[in-house]
Amino acid sequence: MLASIGYRALTAASGAEAIRIFQEKRDVIDLVILDMIMPDTGGGEVFDRMKDIDPEVRVLLSSGYSIDGQATEIISRGCAGFIQKPFNTKQLSEKLAEILG
């Protein structure tokens, strides 16, 4: 989806891998799309660790669950936005434009 709308994406198979990639490549990462549920390290913890690395990190939180509950709590800690799964390319493009300006 991201490539089809002109973005280059780095992917991670787990929360730990996402943190490692962000640590190594944060200077070229404009935005992180983070799922609430990830192998080995949950989305909330990954978000907090990324904020420790770079307090200005922009994160779009994605979940199949509603924004109520844990997602709201993560957003209140400084997450840039939320997108409910499933979403289509148009919805993703609009959300990215909203966050990135």
PDB file of N, CA and C in Angstrom:
ATOM      1  N   MET A   1       0.817  -1.198   0.000  1.00  0.00           N
ATOM      2  CA  MET A   1       0.000   0.000   0.000  1.00  0.00           C
ATOM      3  C   MET A   1       0.859   1.261   0.000  1.00  0.00           C
ATOM      4  N   LEU A   2       1.856   1.281   0.868  1.00  0.00           N
ATOM      5  CA  LEU A   2       2.683   2.483   0.981  1.00  0.00           C
ATOM      6  C   LEU A   2       3.428   2.775  -0.316  1.00  0.00           C
ATOM      7  N   ALA A   3       3.977   1.756  -0.940  1.00  0.00           N
ATOM      8  CA  ALA A   3       4.698   1.957  -2.200  1.00  0.00           C
ATOM      9  C   ALA A   3       3.756   2.493  -3.282  1.00  0.00           C
ATOM     10  N   SER A   4       2.519   2.045  -3.287  1.00  0.00           N
ATOM     11  CA  SER A   4       1.574   2.470  -4.324  1.00  0.00           C
ATOM     12  C   SER A   4       1.195   3.949  -4.205  1.00  0.00           C
ATOM     13  N   ILE A   5       1.428   4.550  -3.038  1.00  0.00           N
ATOM     14  CA  ILE A   5       1.126   5.973  -2.875  1.00  0.00           C
ATOM     15  C   ILE A   5       2.396   6.819  -2.713  1.00  0.00           C
ATOM     16  N   GLY A   6       3.531   6.215  -3.081  1.00  0.00           N
ATOM     17  CA  GLY A   6       4.762   6.973  -3.184  1.00  0.00           C
ATOM     18  C   GLY A   6       5.680   6.979  -1.975  1.00  0.00           C
ATOM     19  N   TYR A   7       5.437   6.107  -1.021  1.00  0.00           N
ATOM     20  CA  TYR A   7       6.291   6.047   0.164  1.00  0.00           C
ATOM     21  C   TYR A   7       7.223   4.842   0.085  1.00  0.00           C
ATOM     22  N   ARG A   8       8.368   4.946   0.737  1.00  0.00           N
ATOM     23  CA  ARG A   8       9.279   3.820   0.874  1.00  0.00           C
ATOM     24  C   ARG A   8       9.095   3.278   2.282  1.00  0.00           C
ATOM     25  N   ALA A   9       8.971   1.991   2.417  1.00  0.00           N
ATOM     26  CA  ALA A   9       8.686   1.391   3.720  1.00  0.00           C
ATOM     27  C   ALA A   9       9.802   0.470   4.175  1.00  0.00           C
ATOM     28  N   LEU A  10      10.083   0.533   5.451  1.00  0.00           N
ATOM     29  CA  LEU A  10      10.925  -0.444   6.127  1.00  0.00           C
ATOM     30  C   LEU A  10       9.963  -1.300   6.942  1.00  0.00           C
ATOM     31  N   THR A  11      10.172  -2.597   6.981  1.00  0.00           N
ATOM     32  CA  THR A  11       9.246  -3.462   7.704  1.00  0.00           C
ATOM     33  C   THR A  11       9.961  -4.207   8.818  1.00  0.00           C
ATOM     34  N   ALA A  12       9.174  -4.538   9.826  1.00  0.00           N
ATOM     35  CA  ALA A  12       9.700  -5.298  10.957  1.00  0.00           C
ATOM     36  C   ALA A  12       8.714  -6.413  11.277  1.00  0.00           C
ATOM     37  N   ALA A  13       9.224  -7.571  11.619  1.00  0.00           N
ATOM     38  CA  ALA A  13       8.387  -8.729  11.914  1.00  0.00           C
ATOM     39  C   ALA A  13       7.998  -8.813  13.390  1.00  0.00           C
ATOM     40  N   SER A  14       8.590  -7.964  14.224  1.00  0.00           N
ATOM     41  CA  SER A  14       8.302  -8.004  15.655  1.00  0.00           C
ATOM     42  C   SER A  14       8.539  -6.629  16.264  1.00  0.00           C
ATOM     43  N   GLY A  15       8.081  -6.458  17.483  1.00  0.00           N
ATOM     44  CA  GLY A  15       8.316  -5.212  18.185  1.00  0.00           C
ATOM     45  C   GLY A  15       9.787  -4.951  18.421  1.00  0.00           C
ATOM     46  N   ALA A  16      10.515  -5.985  18.815  1.00  0.00           N
ATOM     47  CA  ALA A  16      11.952  -5.842  19.062  1.00  0.00           C
ATOM     48  C   ALA A  16      12.689  -5.434  17.792  1.00  0.00           C
ATOM     49  N   GLU A  17      12.318  -6.025  16.672  1.00  0.00           N
ATOM     50  CA  GLU A  17      12.956  -5.668  15.401  1.00  0.00           C
ATOM     51  C   GLU A  17      12.608  -4.230  15.015  1.00  0.00           C
ATOM     52  N   ALA A  18      11.384  -3.817  15.260  1.00  0.00           N
ATOM     53  CA  ALA A  18      10.979  -2.434  14.960  1.00  0.00           C
ATOM     54  C   ALA A  18      11.821  -1.442  15.751  1.00  0.00           C
ATOM     55  N   ILE A  19      12.042  -1.726  17.021  1.00  0.00           N
ATOM     56  CA  ILE A  19      12.859  -0.847  17.866  1.00  0.00           C
ATOM     57  C   ILE A  19      14.287  -0.794  17.337  1.00  0.00           C
ATOM     58  N   ARG A  20      14.837  -1.947  16.973  1.00  0.00           N
ATOM     59  CA  ARG A  20      16.206  -1.996  16.455  1.00  0.00           C
ATOM     60  C   ARG A  20      16.332  -1.190  15.161  1.00  0.00           C
ATOM     61  N   ILE A  21      15.393  -1.375  14.244  1.00  0.00           N
ATOM     62  CA  ILE A  21      15.428  -0.639  12.972  1.00  0.00           C
ATOM     63  C   ILE A  21      15.302   0.860  13.228  1.00  0.00           C
ATOM     64  N   PHE A  22      14.390   1.231  14.116  1.00  0.00           N
ATOM     65  CA  PHE A  22      14.213   2.648  14.415  1.00  0.00           C
ATOM     66  C   PHE A  22      15.484   3.233  15.025  1.00  0.00           C
ATOM     67  N   GLN A  23      16.107   2.509  15.910  1.00  0.00           N
ATOM     68  CA  GLN A  23      17.356   2.970  16.530  1.00  0.00           C
ATOM     69  C   GLN A  23      18.427   3.226  15.461  1.00  0.00           C
ATOM     70  N   GLU A  24      18.530   2.318  14.496  1.00  0.00           N
ATOM     71  CA  GLU A  24      19.572   2.415  13.469  1.00  0.00           C
ATOM     72  C   GLU A  24      19.257   3.422  12.372  1.00  0.00           C
ATOM     73  N   LYS A  25      17.968   3.614  12.049  1.00  0.00           N
ATOM     74  CA  LYS A  25      17.606   4.393  10.858  1.00  0.00           C
ATOM     75  C   LYS A  25      16.676   5.568  11.149  1.00  0.00           C
ATOM     76  N   ARG A  26      16.609   5.997  12.405  1.00  0.00           N
ATOM     77  CA  ARG A  26      15.643   7.043  12.763  1.00  0.00           C
ATOM     78  C   ARG A  26      15.821   8.329  11.967  1.00  0.00           C
ATOM     79  N   ASP A  27      17.026   8.584  11.476  1.00  0.00           N
ATOM     80  CA  ASP A  27      17.261   9.810  10.714  1.00  0.00           C
ATOM     81  C   ASP A  27      16.577   9.805   9.345  1.00  0.00           C
ATOM     82  N   VAL A  28      16.210   8.641   8.837  1.00  0.00           N
ATOM     83  CA  VAL A  28      15.539   8.561   7.534  1.00  0.00           C
ATOM     84  C   VAL A  28      14.075   8.135   7.664  1.00  0.00           C
ATOM     85  N   ILE A  29      13.587   7.992   8.881  1.00  0.00           N
ATOM     86  CA  ILE A  29      12.202   7.570   9.102  1.00  0.00           C
ATOM     87  C   ILE A  29      11.357   8.797   9.449  1.00  0.00           C
ATOM     88  N   ASP A  30      10.348   9.066   8.615  1.00  0.00           N
ATOM     89  CA  ASP A  30       9.463  10.211   8.833  1.00  0.00           C
ATOM     90  C   ASP A  30       8.271   9.865   9.716  1.00  0.00           C
ATOM     91  N   LEU A  31       7.873   8.594   9.681  1.00  0.00           N
ATOM     92  CA  LEU A  31       6.684   8.160  10.401  1.00  0.00           C
ATOM     93  C   LEU A  31       6.756   6.659  10.629  1.00  0.00           C
ATOM     94  N   VAL A  32       6.249   6.228  11.765  1.00  0.00           N
ATOM     95  CA  VAL A  32       6.167   4.799  12.078  1.00  0.00           C
ATOM     96  C   VAL A  32       4.694   4.414  12.117  1.00  0.00           C
ATOM     97  N   ILE A  33       4.339   3.355  11.415  1.00  0.00           N
ATOM     98  CA  ILE A  33       3.003   2.776  11.538  1.00  0.00           C
ATOM     99  C   ILE A  33       3.165   1.579  12.455  1.00  0.00           C
ATOM    100  N   LEU A  34       2.480   1.639  13.570  1.00  0.00           N
ATOM    101  CA  LEU A  34       2.675   0.670  14.637  1.00  0.00           C
ATOM    102  C   LEU A  34       1.364  -0.038  14.942  1.00  0.00           C
ATOM    103  N   ASP A  35       1.406  -1.355  14.973  1.00  0.00           N
ATOM    104  CA  ASP A  35       0.223  -2.140  15.320  1.00  0.00           C
ATOM    105  C   ASP A  35       0.157  -2.303  16.837  1.00  0.00           C
ATOM    106  N   MET A  36      -1.031  -2.352  17.362  1.00  0.00           N
ATOM    107  CA  MET A  36      -1.211  -2.564  18.801  1.00  0.00           C
ATOM    108  C   MET A  36      -0.673  -3.923  19.229  1.00  0.00           C
ATOM    109  N   ILE A  37      -0.908  -4.947  18.417  1.00  0.00           N
ATOM    110  CA  ILE A  37      -0.516  -6.311  18.748  1.00  0.00           C
ATOM    111  C   ILE A  37       0.660  -6.700  17.862  1.00  0.00           C
ATOM    112  N   MET A  38       1.810  -6.955  18.493  1.00  0.00           N
ATOM    113  CA  MET A  38       3.009  -7.334  17.757  1.00  0.00           C
ATOM    114  C   MET A  38       3.679  -8.495  18.478  1.00  0.00           C
ATOM    115  N   PRO A  39       4.360  -9.368  17.733  1.00  0.00           N
ATOM    116  CA  PRO A  39       5.097 -10.452  18.388  1.00  0.00           C
ATOM    117  C   PRO A  39       6.162  -9.910  19.338  1.00  0.00           C
ATOM    118  N   ASP A  40       6.303 -10.492  20.460  1.00  0.00           N
ATOM    119  CA  ASP A  40       7.316 -10.306  21.500  1.00  0.00           C
ATOM    120  C   ASP A  40       7.252  -9.000  22.295  1.00  0.00           C
ATOM    121  N   THR A  41       6.844  -7.914  21.699  1.00  0.00           N
ATOM    122  CA  THR A  41       6.754  -6.638  22.407  1.00  0.00           C
ATOM    123  C   THR A  41       5.519  -5.915  21.897  1.00  0.00           C
ATOM    124  N   GLY A  42       4.590  -5.584  22.785  1.00  0.00           N
ATOM    125  CA  GLY A  42       3.343  -4.946  22.370  1.00  0.00           C
ATOM    126  C   GLY A  42       3.541  -3.533  21.848  1.00  0.00           C
ATOM    127  N   GLY A  43       2.552  -3.057  21.121  1.00  0.00           N
ATOM    128  CA  GLY A  43       2.614  -1.735  20.507  1.00  0.00           C
ATOM    129  C   GLY A  43       2.853  -0.614  21.497  1.00  0.00           C
ATOM    130  N   GLY A  44       2.245  -0.675  22.677  1.00  0.00           N
ATOM    131  CA  GLY A  44       2.432   0.363  23.677  1.00  0.00           C
ATOM    132  C   GLY A  44       3.874   0.454  24.146  1.00  0.00           C
ATOM    133  N   GLU A  45       4.486  -0.685  24.382  1.00  0.00           N
ATOM    134  CA  GLU A  45       5.884  -0.700  24.819  1.00  0.00           C
ATOM    135  C   GLU A  45       6.820  -0.247  23.701  1.00  0.00           C
ATOM    136  N   VAL A  46       6.534  -0.677  22.468  1.00  0.00           N
ATOM    137  CA  VAL A  46       7.355  -0.249  21.333  1.00  0.00           C
ATOM    138  C   VAL A  46       7.273   1.275  21.191  1.00  0.00           C
ATOM    139  N   PHE A  47       6.052   1.808  21.299  1.00  0.00           N
ATOM    140  CA  PHE A  47       5.872   3.261  21.212  1.00  0.00           C
ATOM    141  C   PHE A  47       6.712   3.969  22.276  1.00  0.00           C
ATOM    142  N   ASP A  48       6.633   3.511  23.514  1.00  0.00           N
ATOM    143  CA  ASP A  48       7.381   4.141  24.597  1.00  0.00           C
ATOM    144  C   ASP A  48       8.888   4.080  24.353  1.00  0.00           C
ATOM    145  N   ARG A  49       9.375   2.957  23.865  1.00  0.00           N
ATOM    146  CA  ARG A  49      10.811   2.808  23.614  1.00  0.00           C
ATOM    147  C   ARG A  49      11.264   3.714  22.465  1.00  0.00           C
ATOM    148  N   MET A  50      10.418   3.847  21.440  1.00  0.00           N
ATOM    149  CA  MET A  50      10.753   4.748  20.337  1.00  0.00           C
ATOM    150  C   MET A  50      10.760   6.201  20.817  1.00  0.00           C
ATOM    151  N   LYS A  51       9.829   6.559  21.688  1.00  0.00           N
ATOM    152  CA  LYS A  51       9.797   7.917  22.247  1.00  0.00           C
ATOM    153  C   LYS A  51      11.042   8.189  23.086  1.00  0.00           C
ATOM    154  N   ASP A  52      11.550   7.166  23.770  1.00  0.00           N
ATOM    155  CA  ASP A  52      12.799   7.320  24.525  1.00  0.00           C
ATOM    156  C   ASP A  52      13.975   7.595  23.591  1.00  0.00           C
ATOM    157  N   ILE A  53      13.968   6.942  22.430  1.00  0.00           N
ATOM    158  CA  ILE A  53      15.041   7.118  21.441  1.00  0.00           C
ATOM    159  C   ILE A  53      14.927   8.495  20.786  1.00  0.00           C
ATOM    160  N   ASP A  54      13.706   8.881  20.418  1.00  0.00           N
ATOM    161  CA  ASP A  54      13.462  10.169  19.758  1.00  0.00           C
ATOM    162  C   ASP A  54      12.105  10.707  20.205  1.00  0.00           C
ATOM    163  N   PRO A  55      12.088  11.662  21.111  1.00  0.00           N
ATOM    164  CA  PRO A  55      10.819  12.198  21.620  1.00  0.00           C
ATOM    165  C   PRO A  55       9.924  12.820  20.546  1.00  0.00           C
ATOM    166  N   GLU A  56      10.494  13.121  19.373  1.00  0.00           N
ATOM    167  CA  GLU A  56       9.719  13.734  18.287  1.00  0.00           C
ATOM    168  C   GLU A  56       9.176  12.715  17.282  1.00  0.00           C
ATOM    169  N   VAL A  57       9.363  11.425  17.534  1.00  0.00           N
ATOM    170  CA  VAL A  57       8.905  10.408  16.594  1.00  0.00           C
ATOM    171  C   VAL A  57       7.396  10.554  16.341  1.00  0.00           C
ATOM    172  N   ARG A  58       7.023  10.435  15.070  1.00  0.00           N
ATOM    173  CA  ARG A  58       5.602  10.474  14.703  1.00  0.00           C
ATOM    174  C   ARG A  58       5.147   9.038  14.470  1.00  0.00           C
ATOM    175  N   VAL A  59       4.118   8.635  15.211  1.00  0.00           N
ATOM    176  CA  VAL A  59       3.626   7.266  15.145  1.00  0.00           C
ATOM    177  C   VAL A  59       2.144   7.272  14.819  1.00  0.00           C
ATOM    178  N   LEU A  60       1.780   6.489  13.804  1.00  0.00           N
ATOM    179  CA  LEU A  60       0.387   6.223  13.478  1.00  0.00           C
ATOM    180  C   LEU A  60       0.070   4.846  14.036  1.00  0.00           C
ATOM    181  N   LEU A  61      -0.826   4.806  14.994  1.00  0.00           N
ATOM    182  CA  LEU A  61      -1.208   3.557  15.635  1.00  0.00           C
ATOM    183  C   LEU A  61      -2.318   2.902  14.824  1.00  0.00           C
ATOM    184  N   SER A  62      -2.188   1.605  14.578  1.00  0.00           N
ATOM    185  CA  SER A  62      -3.160   0.847  13.809  1.00  0.00           C
ATOM    186  C   SER A  62      -3.643  -0.338  14.639  1.00  0.00           C
ATOM    187  N   SER A  63      -4.932  -0.618  14.557  1.00  0.00           N
ATOM    188  CA  SER A  63      -5.471  -1.755  15.301  1.00  0.00           C
ATOM    189  C   SER A  63      -6.786  -2.214  14.701  1.00  0.00           C
ATOM    190  N   GLY A  64      -7.044  -3.487  14.868  1.00  0.00           N
ATOM    191  CA  GLY A  64      -8.345  -4.042  14.519  1.00  0.00           C
ATOM    192  C   GLY A  64      -9.351  -3.800  15.621  1.00  0.00           C
ATOM    193  N   TYR A  65      -8.858  -3.419  16.793  1.00  0.00           N
ATOM    194  CA  TYR A  65      -9.728  -3.075  17.913  1.00  0.00           C
ATOM    195  C   TYR A  65     -10.109  -1.610  17.796  1.00  0.00           C
ATOM    196  N   SER A  66     -11.131  -1.190  18.490  1.00  0.00           N
ATOM    197  CA  SER A  66     -11.557   0.203  18.430  1.00  0.00           C
ATOM    198  C   SER A  66     -10.547   1.087  19.144  1.00  0.00           C
ATOM    199  N   ILE A  67     -10.706   2.386  18.940  1.00  0.00           N
ATOM    200  CA  ILE A  67      -9.808   3.346  19.567  1.00  0.00           C
ATOM    201  C   ILE A  67     -10.012   3.397  21.081  1.00  0.00           C
ATOM    202  N   ASP A  68     -11.126   2.907  21.566  1.00  0.00           N
ATOM    203  CA  ASP A  68     -11.386   2.885  23.004  1.00  0.00           C
ATOM    204  C   ASP A  68     -10.401   1.951  23.694  1.00  0.00           C
ATOM    205  N   GLY A  69     -10.114   2.213  24.933  1.00  0.00           N
ATOM    206  CA  GLY A  69      -9.244   1.332  25.701  1.00  0.00           C
ATOM    207  C   GLY A  69      -7.786   1.661  25.544  1.00  0.00           C
ATOM    208  N   GLN A  70      -6.975   0.633  25.301  1.00  0.00           N
ATOM    209  CA  GLN A  70      -5.528   0.790  25.276  1.00  0.00           C
ATOM    210  C   GLN A  70      -5.063   1.766  24.196  1.00  0.00           C
ATOM    211  N   ALA A  71      -5.727   1.793  23.050  1.00  0.00           N
ATOM    212  CA  ALA A  71      -5.322   2.711  21.975  1.00  0.00           C
ATOM    213  C   ALA A  71      -5.442   4.161  22.436  1.00  0.00           C
ATOM    214  N   THR A  72      -6.523   4.491  23.112  1.00  0.00           N
ATOM    215  CA  THR A  72      -6.711   5.858  23.618  1.00  0.00           C
ATOM    216  C   THR A  72      -5.602   6.234  24.580  1.00  0.00           C
ATOM    217  N   GLU A  73      -5.210   5.295  25.412  1.00  0.00           N
ATOM    218  CA  GLU A  73      -4.156   5.543  26.387  1.00  0.00           C
ATOM    219  C   GLU A  73      -2.818   5.798  25.687  1.00  0.00           C
ATOM    220  N   ILE A  74      -2.510   5.044  24.640  1.00  0.00           N
ATOM    221  CA  ILE A  74      -1.264   5.252  23.895  1.00  0.00           C
ATOM    222  C   ILE A  74      -1.304   6.602  23.174  1.00  0.00           C
ATOM    223  N   ILE A  75      -2.423   6.942  22.592  1.00  0.00           N
ATOM    224  CA  ILE A  75      -2.559   8.224  21.904  1.00  0.00           C
ATOM    225  C   ILE A  75      -2.359   9.372  22.884  1.00  0.00           C
ATOM    226  N   SER A  76      -2.855   9.231  24.090  1.00  0.00           N
ATOM    227  CA  SER A  76      -2.704  10.293  25.095  1.00  0.00           C
ATOM    228  C   SER A  76      -1.239  10.495  25.494  1.00  0.00           C
ATOM    229  N   ARG A  77      -0.393   9.511  25.213  1.00  0.00           N
ATOM    230  CA  ARG A  77       1.037   9.622  25.526  1.00  0.00           C
ATOM    231  C   ARG A  77       1.822  10.267  24.381  1.00  0.00           C
ATOM    232  N   GLY A  78       1.138  10.709  23.327  1.00  0.00           N
ATOM    233  CA  GLY A  78       1.827  11.437  22.271  1.00  0.00           C
ATOM    234  C   GLY A  78       1.817  10.808  20.900  1.00  0.00           C
ATOM    235  N   CYS A  79       1.019   9.788  20.706  1.00  0.00           N
ATOM    236  CA  CYS A  79       0.910   9.164  19.390  1.00  0.00           C
ATOM    237  C   CYS A  79       0.242  10.157  18.427  1.00  0.00           C
ATOM    238  N   ALA A  80       0.713  10.215  17.188  1.00  0.00           N
ATOM    239  CA  ALA A  80       0.239  11.212  16.233  1.00  0.00           C
ATOM    240  C   ALA A  80      -1.150  10.932  15.674  1.00  0.00           C
ATOM    241  N   GLY A  81      -1.594   9.679  15.689  1.00  0.00           N
ATOM    242  CA  GLY A  81      -2.904   9.373  15.137  1.00  0.00           C
ATOM    243  C   GLY A  81      -3.236   7.905  15.248  1.00  0.00           C
ATOM    244  N   PHE A  82      -4.450   7.584  14.829  1.00  0.00           N
ATOM    245  CA  PHE A  82      -4.968   6.220  14.906  1.00  0.00           C
ATOM    246  C   PHE A  82      -5.702   5.903  13.615  1.00  0.00           C
ATOM    247  N   ILE A  83      -5.521   4.680  13.119  1.00  0.00           N
ATOM    248  CA  ILE A  83      -6.284   4.211  11.965  1.00  0.00           C
ATOM    249  C   ILE A  83      -6.803   2.810  12.280  1.00  0.00           C
ATOM    250  N   GLN A  84      -8.103   2.646  12.075  1.00  0.00           N
ATOM    251  CA  GLN A  84      -8.785   1.384  12.387  1.00  0.00           C
ATOM    252  C   GLN A  84      -8.635   0.407  11.228  1.00  0.00           C
ATOM    253  N   LYS A  85      -8.213  -0.823  11.541  1.00  0.00           N
ATOM    254  CA  LYS A  85      -8.157  -1.875  10.517  1.00  0.00           C
ATOM    255  C   LYS A  85      -9.536  -2.510  10.392  1.00  0.00           C
ATOM    256  N   PRO A  86      -9.901  -2.969   9.251  1.00  0.00           N
ATOM    257  CA  PRO A  86      -9.169  -2.845   7.984  1.00  0.00           C
ATOM    258  C   PRO A  86      -9.319  -1.440   7.405  1.00  0.00           C
ATOM    259  N   PHE A  87      -8.310  -0.976   6.709  1.00  0.00           N
ATOM    260  CA  PHE A  87      -8.366   0.317   6.033  1.00  0.00           C
ATOM    261  C   PHE A  87      -7.899   0.125   4.607  1.00  0.00           C
ATOM    262  N   ASN A  88      -8.275   1.060   3.752  1.00  0.00           N
ATOM    263  CA  ASN A  88      -7.870   0.971   2.347  1.00  0.00           C
ATOM    264  C   ASN A  88      -6.781   2.007   2.053  1.00  0.00           C
ATOM    265  N   THR A  89      -6.268   1.990   0.852  1.00  0.00           N
ATOM    266  CA  THR A  89      -5.172   2.871   0.465  1.00  0.00           C
ATOM    267  C   THR A  89      -5.569   4.336   0.586  1.00  0.00           C
ATOM    268  N   LYS A  90      -6.781   4.675   0.201  1.00  0.00           N
ATOM    269  CA  LYS A  90      -7.243   6.068   0.286  1.00  0.00           C
ATOM    270  C   LYS A  90      -7.263   6.531   1.738  1.00  0.00           C
ATOM    271  N   GLN A  91      -7.799   5.722   2.621  1.00  0.00           N
ATOM    272  CA  GLN A  91      -7.844   6.093   4.042  1.00  0.00           C
ATOM    273  C   GLN A  91      -6.439   6.256   4.609  1.00  0.00           C
ATOM    274  N   LEU A  92      -5.544   5.354   4.259  1.00  0.00           N
ATOM    275  CA  LEU A  92      -4.168   5.443   4.727  1.00  0.00           C
ATOM    276  C   LEU A  92      -3.499   6.700   4.188  1.00  0.00           C
ATOM    277  N   SER A  93      -3.677   6.977   2.913  1.00  0.00           N
ATOM    278  CA  SER A  93      -3.084   8.157   2.297  1.00  0.00           C
ATOM    279  C   SER A  93      -3.570   9.433   2.989  1.00  0.00           C
ATOM    280  N   GLU A  94      -4.851   9.513   3.272  1.00  0.00           N
ATOM    281  CA  GLU A  94      -5.410  10.689   3.942  1.00  0.00           C
ATOM    282  C   GLU A  94      -4.846  10.846   5.349  1.00  0.00           C
ATOM    283  N   LYS A  95      -4.728   9.748   6.075  1.00  0.00           N
ATOM    284  CA  LYS A  95      -4.199   9.796   7.437  1.00  0.00           C
ATOM    285  C   LYS A  95      -2.728  10.208   7.431  1.00  0.00           C
ATOM    286  N   LEU A  96      -1.948   9.686   6.479  1.00  0.00           N
ATOM    287  CA  LEU A  96      -0.545  10.054   6.387  1.00  0.00           C
ATOM    288  C   LEU A  96      -0.379  11.532   6.054  1.00  0.00           C
ATOM    289  N   ALA A  97      -1.197  12.029   5.119  1.00  0.00           N
ATOM    290  CA  ALA A  97      -1.145  13.449   4.759  1.00  0.00           C
ATOM    291  C   ALA A  97      -1.498  14.325   5.957  1.00  0.00           C
ATOM    292  N   GLU A  98      -2.465  13.888   6.744  1.00  0.00           N
ATOM    293  CA  GLU A  98      -2.871  14.629   7.939  1.00  0.00           C
ATOM    294  C   GLU A  98      -1.704  14.725   8.940  1.00  0.00           C
ATOM    295  N   ILE A  99      -0.992  13.634   9.134  1.00  0.00           N
ATOM    296  CA  ILE A  99       0.097  13.610  10.117  1.00  0.00           C
ATOM    297  C   ILE A  99       1.363  14.281   9.588  1.00  0.00           C
ATOM    298  N   LEU A 100       1.702  14.019   8.337  1.00  0.00           N
ATOM    299  CA  LEU A 100       2.951  14.532   7.794  1.00  0.00           C
ATOM    300  C   LEU A 100       2.838  15.956   7.267  1.00  0.00           C
ATOM    301  N   GLY A 101       1.607  16.409   7.081  1.00  0.00           N
ATOM    302  CA  GLY A 101       1.417  17.797   6.614  1.00  0.00           C
ATOM    303  C   GLY A 101       1.421  17.911   5.168  1.00  0.00           C
TER     304      GLY A 101
END
